């Protein structure tokens, strides 16, 4: 999955400016954090990681 495809799916699900992909390949998103009832930035996964790509496919 290309970075452009990842960005498109994250933009559709979380909204513009609610996701970040770092130069190291980390994907951070802003939303309801797992296992909490608070909104905030959290690590969603890594570019090129099979498990992360499966989670992104579930969002599409």
PDB file of N, CA and C in Angstrom:
ATOM      1  N   UNK A   1       0.862  -1.170   0.000  1.00  0.00           N
ATOM      2  CA  UNK A   1       0.000   0.000   0.000  1.00  0.00           C
ATOM      3  C   UNK A   1       0.910   1.236   0.000  1.00  0.00           C
ATOM      4  N   UNK A   2       0.628   2.168  -0.892  1.00  0.00           N
ATOM      5  CA  UNK A   2       1.455   3.367  -0.988  1.00  0.00           C
ATOM      6  C   UNK A   2       1.053   4.384   0.081  1.00  0.00           C
ATOM      7  N   UNK A   3       1.959   5.318   0.329  1.00  0.00           N
ATOM      8  CA  UNK A   3       1.679   6.373   1.305  1.00  0.00           C
ATOM      9  C   UNK A   3       0.487   7.213   0.865  1.00  0.00           C
ATOM     10  N   UNK A   4       0.367   7.447  -0.434  1.00  0.00           N
ATOM     11  CA  UNK A   4      -0.767   8.226  -0.945  1.00  0.00           C
ATOM     12  C   UNK A   4      -2.096   7.514  -0.663  1.00  0.00           C
ATOM     13  N   UNK A   5      -2.128   6.196  -0.819  1.00  0.00           N
ATOM     14  CA  UNK A   5      -3.346   5.434  -0.524  1.00  0.00           C
ATOM     15  C   UNK A   5      -3.667   5.491   0.969  1.00  0.00           C
ATOM     16  N   UNK A   6      -2.627   5.376   1.792  1.00  0.00           N
ATOM     17  CA  UNK A   6      -2.821   5.451   3.241  1.00  0.00           C
ATOM     18  C   UNK A   6      -3.384   6.810   3.620  1.00  0.00           C
ATOM     19  N   UNK A   7      -2.795   7.879   3.084  1.00  0.00           N
ATOM     20  CA  UNK A   7      -3.266   9.239   3.378  1.00  0.00           C
ATOM     21  C   UNK A   7      -4.727   9.425   2.979  1.00  0.00           C
ATOM     22  N   UNK A   8      -5.100   8.908   1.817  1.00  0.00           N
ATOM     23  CA  UNK A   8      -6.475   9.059   1.329  1.00  0.00           C
ATOM     24  C   UNK A   8      -7.468   8.395   2.287  1.00  0.00           C
ATOM     25  N   UNK A   9      -7.167   7.177   2.722  1.00  0.00           N
ATOM     26  CA  UNK A   9      -8.071   6.448   3.616  1.00  0.00           C
ATOM     27  C   UNK A   9      -8.144   7.133   4.979  1.00  0.00           C
ATOM     28  N   UNK A  10      -6.975   7.549   5.510  1.00  0.00           N
ATOM     29  CA  UNK A  10      -6.970   8.218   6.815  1.00  0.00           C
ATOM     30  C   UNK A  10      -7.718   9.544   6.761  1.00  0.00           C
ATOM     31  N   UNK A  11      -7.573  10.282   5.662  1.00  0.00           N
ATOM     32  CA  UNK A  11      -8.279  11.564   5.502  1.00  0.00           C
ATOM     33  C   UNK A  11      -9.781  11.336   5.473  1.00  0.00           C
ATOM     34  N   UNK A  12     -10.225  10.281   4.794  1.00  0.00           N
ATOM     35  CA  UNK A  12     -11.658   9.993   4.717  1.00  0.00           C
ATOM     36  C   UNK A  12     -12.222   9.579   6.075  1.00  0.00           C
ATOM     37  N   UNK A  13     -11.446   8.828   6.848  1.00  0.00           N
ATOM     38  CA  UNK A  13     -11.960   8.308   8.118  1.00  0.00           C
ATOM     39  C   UNK A  13     -11.799   9.288   9.282  1.00  0.00           C
ATOM     40  N   UNK A  14     -10.620   9.923   9.398  1.00  0.00           N
ATOM     41  CA  UNK A  14     -10.345  10.786  10.544  1.00  0.00           C
ATOM     42  C   UNK A  14     -10.508  12.270  10.227  1.00  0.00           C
ATOM     43  N   UNK A  15     -10.474  12.640   8.951  1.00  0.00           N
ATOM     44  CA  UNK A  15     -10.599  14.034   8.556  1.00  0.00           C
ATOM     45  C   UNK A  15      -9.246  14.656   8.254  1.00  0.00           C
ATOM     46  N   UNK A  16      -9.295  15.749   7.511  1.00  0.00           N
ATOM     47  CA  UNK A  16      -8.072  16.456   7.146  1.00  0.00           C
ATOM     48  C   UNK A  16      -7.390  16.982   8.401  1.00  0.00           C
ATOM     49  N   UNK A  17      -6.088  16.909   8.434  1.00  0.00           N
ATOM     50  CA  UNK A  17      -5.251  17.394   9.538  1.00  0.00           C
ATOM     51  C   UNK A  17      -5.449  16.626  10.842  1.00  0.00           C
ATOM     52  N   UNK A  18      -6.067  15.455  10.764  1.00  0.00           N
ATOM     53  CA  UNK A  18      -6.224  14.617  11.946  1.00  0.00           C
ATOM     54  C   UNK A  18      -5.398  13.346  11.840  1.00  0.00           C
ATOM     55  N   UNK A  19      -4.390  13.375  11.004  1.00  0.00           N
ATOM     56  CA  UNK A  19      -3.457  12.262  10.897  1.00  0.00           C
ATOM     57  C   UNK A  19      -2.098  12.834  10.531  1.00  0.00           C
ATOM     58  N   UNK A  20      -1.047  12.116  10.925  1.00  0.00           N
ATOM     59  CA  UNK A  20       0.319  12.522  10.598  1.00  0.00           C
ATOM     60  C   UNK A  20       1.122  11.277  10.287  1.00  0.00           C
ATOM     61  N   UNK A  21       1.962  11.367   9.268  1.00  0.00           N
ATOM     62  CA  UNK A  21       2.902  10.303   8.951  1.00  0.00           C
ATOM     63  C   UNK A  21       4.293  10.902   9.093  1.00  0.00           C
ATOM     64  N   UNK A  22       5.084  10.393  10.029  1.00  0.00           N
ATOM     65  CA  UNK A  22       6.405  10.945  10.299  1.00  0.00           C
ATOM     66  C   UNK A  22       7.416  10.438   9.270  1.00  0.00           C
ATOM     67  N   UNK A  23       8.586  11.061   9.270  1.00  0.00           N
ATOM     68  CA  UNK A  23       9.646  10.632   8.346  1.00  0.00           C
ATOM     69  C   UNK A  23      10.141   9.235   8.698  1.00  0.00           C
ATOM     70  N   UNK A  24       9.942   8.800   9.935  1.00  0.00           N
ATOM     71  CA  UNK A  24      10.326   7.458  10.352  1.00  0.00           C
ATOM     72  C   UNK A  24       9.283   6.402  10.030  1.00  0.00           C
ATOM     73  N   UNK A  25       8.140   6.808   9.446  1.00  0.00           N
ATOM     74  CA  UNK A  25       7.101   5.864   9.051  1.00  0.00           C
ATOM     75  C   UNK A  25       6.023   5.624  10.091  1.00  0.00           C
ATOM     76  N   UNK A  26       6.032   6.385  11.189  1.00  0.00           N
ATOM     77  CA  UNK A  26       4.975   6.246  12.193  1.00  0.00           C
ATOM     78  C   UNK A  26       3.712   6.958  11.716  1.00  0.00           C
ATOM     79  N   UNK A  27       2.559   6.351  11.973  1.00  0.00           N
ATOM     80  CA  UNK A  27       1.275   6.950  11.634  1.00  0.00           C
ATOM     81  C   UNK A  27       0.585   7.325  12.939  1.00  0.00           C
ATOM     82  N   UNK A  28       0.337   8.608  13.128  1.00  0.00           N
ATOM     83  CA  UNK A  28      -0.371   9.107  14.308  1.00  0.00           C
ATOM     84  C   UNK A  28      -1.714   9.656  13.850  1.00  0.00           C
ATOM     85  N   UNK A  29      -2.760   9.407  14.619  1.00  0.00           N
ATOM     86  CA  UNK A  29      -4.089   9.922  14.287  1.00  0.00           C
ATOM     87  C   UNK A  29      -4.682  10.610  15.508  1.00  0.00           C
ATOM     88  N   UNK A  30      -5.608  11.535  15.250  1.00  0.00           N
ATOM     89  CA  UNK A  30      -6.322  12.233  16.315  1.00  0.00           C
ATOM     90  C   UNK A  30      -7.745  11.712  16.344  1.00  0.00           C
ATOM     91  N   UNK A  31      -8.152  11.216  17.479  1.00  0.00           N
ATOM     92  CA  UNK A  31      -9.502  10.699  17.632  1.00  0.00           C
ATOM     93  C   UNK A  31      -9.659  10.063  18.993  1.00  0.00           C
ATOM     94  N   UNK A  32     -10.709   9.271  19.165  1.00  0.00           N
ATOM     95  CA  UNK A  32     -10.949   8.569  20.417  1.00  0.00           C
ATOM     96  C   UNK A  32      -9.835   7.554  20.618  1.00  0.00           C
ATOM     97  N   UNK A  33      -9.060   7.742  21.673  1.00  0.00           N
ATOM     98  CA  UNK A  33      -7.920   6.864  21.934  1.00  0.00           C
ATOM     99  C   UNK A  33      -8.409   5.501  22.414  1.00  0.00           C
ATOM    100  N   UNK A  34      -7.736   4.440  21.973  1.00  0.00           N
ATOM    101  CA  UNK A  34      -8.143   3.090  22.368  1.00  0.00           C
ATOM    102  C   UNK A  34      -8.142   2.912  23.891  1.00  0.00           C
ATOM    103  N   UNK A  35      -9.129   2.218  24.398  1.00  0.00           N
ATOM    104  CA  UNK A  35      -9.268   1.885  25.820  1.00  0.00           C
ATOM    105  C   UNK A  35      -9.445   3.101  26.723  1.00  0.00           C
ATOM    106  N   UNK A  36      -9.910   4.210  26.173  1.00  0.00           N
ATOM    107  CA  UNK A  36     -10.204   5.398  26.970  1.00  0.00           C
ATOM    108  C   UNK A  36     -11.499   6.013  26.480  1.00  0.00           C
ATOM    109  N   UNK A  37     -11.907   7.074  27.135  1.00  0.00           N
ATOM    110  CA  UNK A  37     -13.054   7.846  26.657  1.00  0.00           C
ATOM    111  C   UNK A  37     -12.621   9.263  26.319  1.00  0.00           C
ATOM    112  N   UNK A  38     -11.327   9.431  25.981  1.00  0.00           N
ATOM    113  CA  UNK A  38     -10.774  10.744  25.678  1.00  0.00           C
ATOM    114  C   UNK A  38     -10.290  10.806  24.233  1.00  0.00           C
ATOM    115  N   UNK A  39     -10.400  11.995  23.655  1.00  0.00           N
ATOM    116  CA  UNK A  39      -9.847  12.235  22.329  1.00  0.00           C
ATOM    117  C   UNK A  39      -8.429  12.736  22.458  1.00  0.00           C
ATOM    118  N   UNK A  40      -7.584  12.368  21.507  1.00  0.00           N
ATOM    119  CA  UNK A  40      -6.202  12.826  21.510  1.00  0.00           C
ATOM    120  C   UNK A  40      -5.408  12.152  20.401  1.00  0.00           C
ATOM    121  N   UNK A  41      -4.135  12.515  20.307  1.00  0.00           N
ATOM    122  CA  UNK A  41      -3.234  11.920  19.322  1.00  0.00           C
ATOM    123  C   UNK A  41      -2.719  10.590  19.860  1.00  0.00           C
ATOM    124  N   UNK A  42      -2.690   9.567  19.011  1.00  0.00           N
ATOM    125  CA  UNK A  42      -2.125   8.282  19.405  1.00  0.00           C
ATOM    126  C   UNK A  42      -1.481   7.601  18.204  1.00  0.00           C
ATOM    127  N   UNK A  43      -0.569   6.670  18.504  1.00  0.00           N
ATOM    128  CA  UNK A  43       0.133   5.925  17.465  1.00  0.00           C
ATOM    129  C   UNK A  43      -0.815   4.893  16.880  1.00  0.00           C
ATOM    130  N   UNK A  44      -1.093   5.024  15.583  1.00  0.00           N
ATOM    131  CA  UNK A  44      -1.994   4.102  14.901  1.00  0.00           C
ATOM    132  C   UNK A  44      -1.225   2.897  14.372  1.00  0.00           C
ATOM    133  N   UNK A  45       0.003   3.122  13.928  1.00  0.00           N
ATOM    134  CA  UNK A  45       0.803   2.024  13.383  1.00  0.00           C
ATOM    135  C   UNK A  45       1.966   2.552  12.579  1.00  0.00           C
ATOM    136  N   UNK A  46       2.491   1.694  11.700  1.00  0.00           N
ATOM    137  CA  UNK A  46       3.680   2.024  10.908  1.00  0.00           C
ATOM    138  C   UNK A  46       3.427   1.758   9.429  1.00  0.00           C
ATOM    139  N   UNK A  47       3.973   2.615   8.590  1.00  0.00           N
ATOM    140  CA  UNK A  47       3.893   2.426   7.144  1.00  0.00           C
ATOM    141  C   UNK A  47       4.650   1.147   6.794  1.00  0.00           C
ATOM    142  N   UNK A  48       4.039   0.295   5.981  1.00  0.00           N
ATOM    143  CA  UNK A  48       4.674  -0.943   5.552  1.00  0.00           C
ATOM    144  C   UNK A  48       4.444  -2.119   6.479  1.00  0.00           C
ATOM    145  N   UNK A  49       3.806  -1.897   7.627  1.00  0.00           N
ATOM    146  CA  UNK A  49       3.527  -2.966   8.578  1.00  0.00           C
ATOM    147  C   UNK A  49       2.246  -3.681   8.160  1.00  0.00           C
ATOM    148  N   UNK A  50       2.298  -4.996   8.104  1.00  0.00           N
ATOM    149  CA  UNK A  50       1.151  -5.786   7.643  1.00  0.00           C
ATOM    150  C   UNK A  50      -0.077  -5.590   8.525  1.00  0.00           C
ATOM    151  N   UNK A  51       0.116  -5.587   9.827  1.00  0.00           N
ATOM    152  CA  UNK A  51      -1.008  -5.416  10.748  1.00  0.00           C
ATOM    153  C   UNK A  51      -1.643  -4.032  10.606  1.00  0.00           C
ATOM    154  N   UNK A  52      -0.810  -3.011  10.455  1.00  0.00           N
ATOM    155  CA  UNK A  52      -1.313  -1.644  10.277  1.00  0.00           C
ATOM    156  C   UNK A  52      -2.102  -1.537   8.975  1.00  0.00           C
ATOM    157  N   UNK A  53      -1.579  -2.126   7.912  1.00  0.00           N
ATOM    158  CA  UNK A  53      -2.287  -2.063   6.630  1.00  0.00           C
ATOM    159  C   UNK A  53      -3.626  -2.781   6.702  1.00  0.00           C
ATOM    160  N   UNK A  54      -3.708  -3.860   7.473  1.00  0.00           N
ATOM    161  CA  UNK A  54      -4.991  -4.553   7.648  1.00  0.00           C
ATOM    162  C   UNK A  54      -5.981  -3.653   8.388  1.00  0.00           C
ATOM    163  N   UNK A  55      -5.506  -2.927   9.406  1.00  0.00           N
ATOM    164  CA  UNK A  55      -6.380  -1.994  10.134  1.00  0.00           C
ATOM    165  C   UNK A  55      -6.850  -0.877   9.218  1.00  0.00           C
ATOM    166  N   UNK A  56      -5.971  -0.389   8.336  1.00  0.00           N
ATOM    167  CA  UNK A  56      -6.340   0.673   7.400  1.00  0.00           C
ATOM    168  C   UNK A  56      -7.373   0.153   6.403  1.00  0.00           C
ATOM    169  N   UNK A  57      -7.191  -1.073   5.940  1.00  0.00           N
ATOM    170  CA  UNK A  57      -8.176  -1.680   5.022  1.00  0.00           C
ATOM    171  C   UNK A  57      -9.549  -1.781   5.685  1.00  0.00           C
ATOM    172  N   UNK A  58      -9.575  -2.052   6.977  1.00  0.00           N
ATOM    173  CA  UNK A  58     -10.857  -2.123   7.695  1.00  0.00           C
ATOM    174  C   UNK A  58     -11.553  -0.772   7.751  1.00  0.00           C
ATOM    175  N   UNK A  59     -10.773   0.337   7.693  1.00  0.00           N
ATOM    176  CA  UNK A  59     -11.365   1.672   7.717  1.00  0.00           C
ATOM    177  C   UNK A  59     -12.018   2.018   6.385  1.00  0.00           C
ATOM    178  N   UNK A  60     -11.475   1.473   5.300  1.00  0.00           N
ATOM    179  CA  UNK A  60     -11.945   1.833   3.949  1.00  0.00           C
ATOM    180  C   UNK A  60     -13.319   1.282   3.655  1.00  0.00           C
TER     181      UNK A  60
END
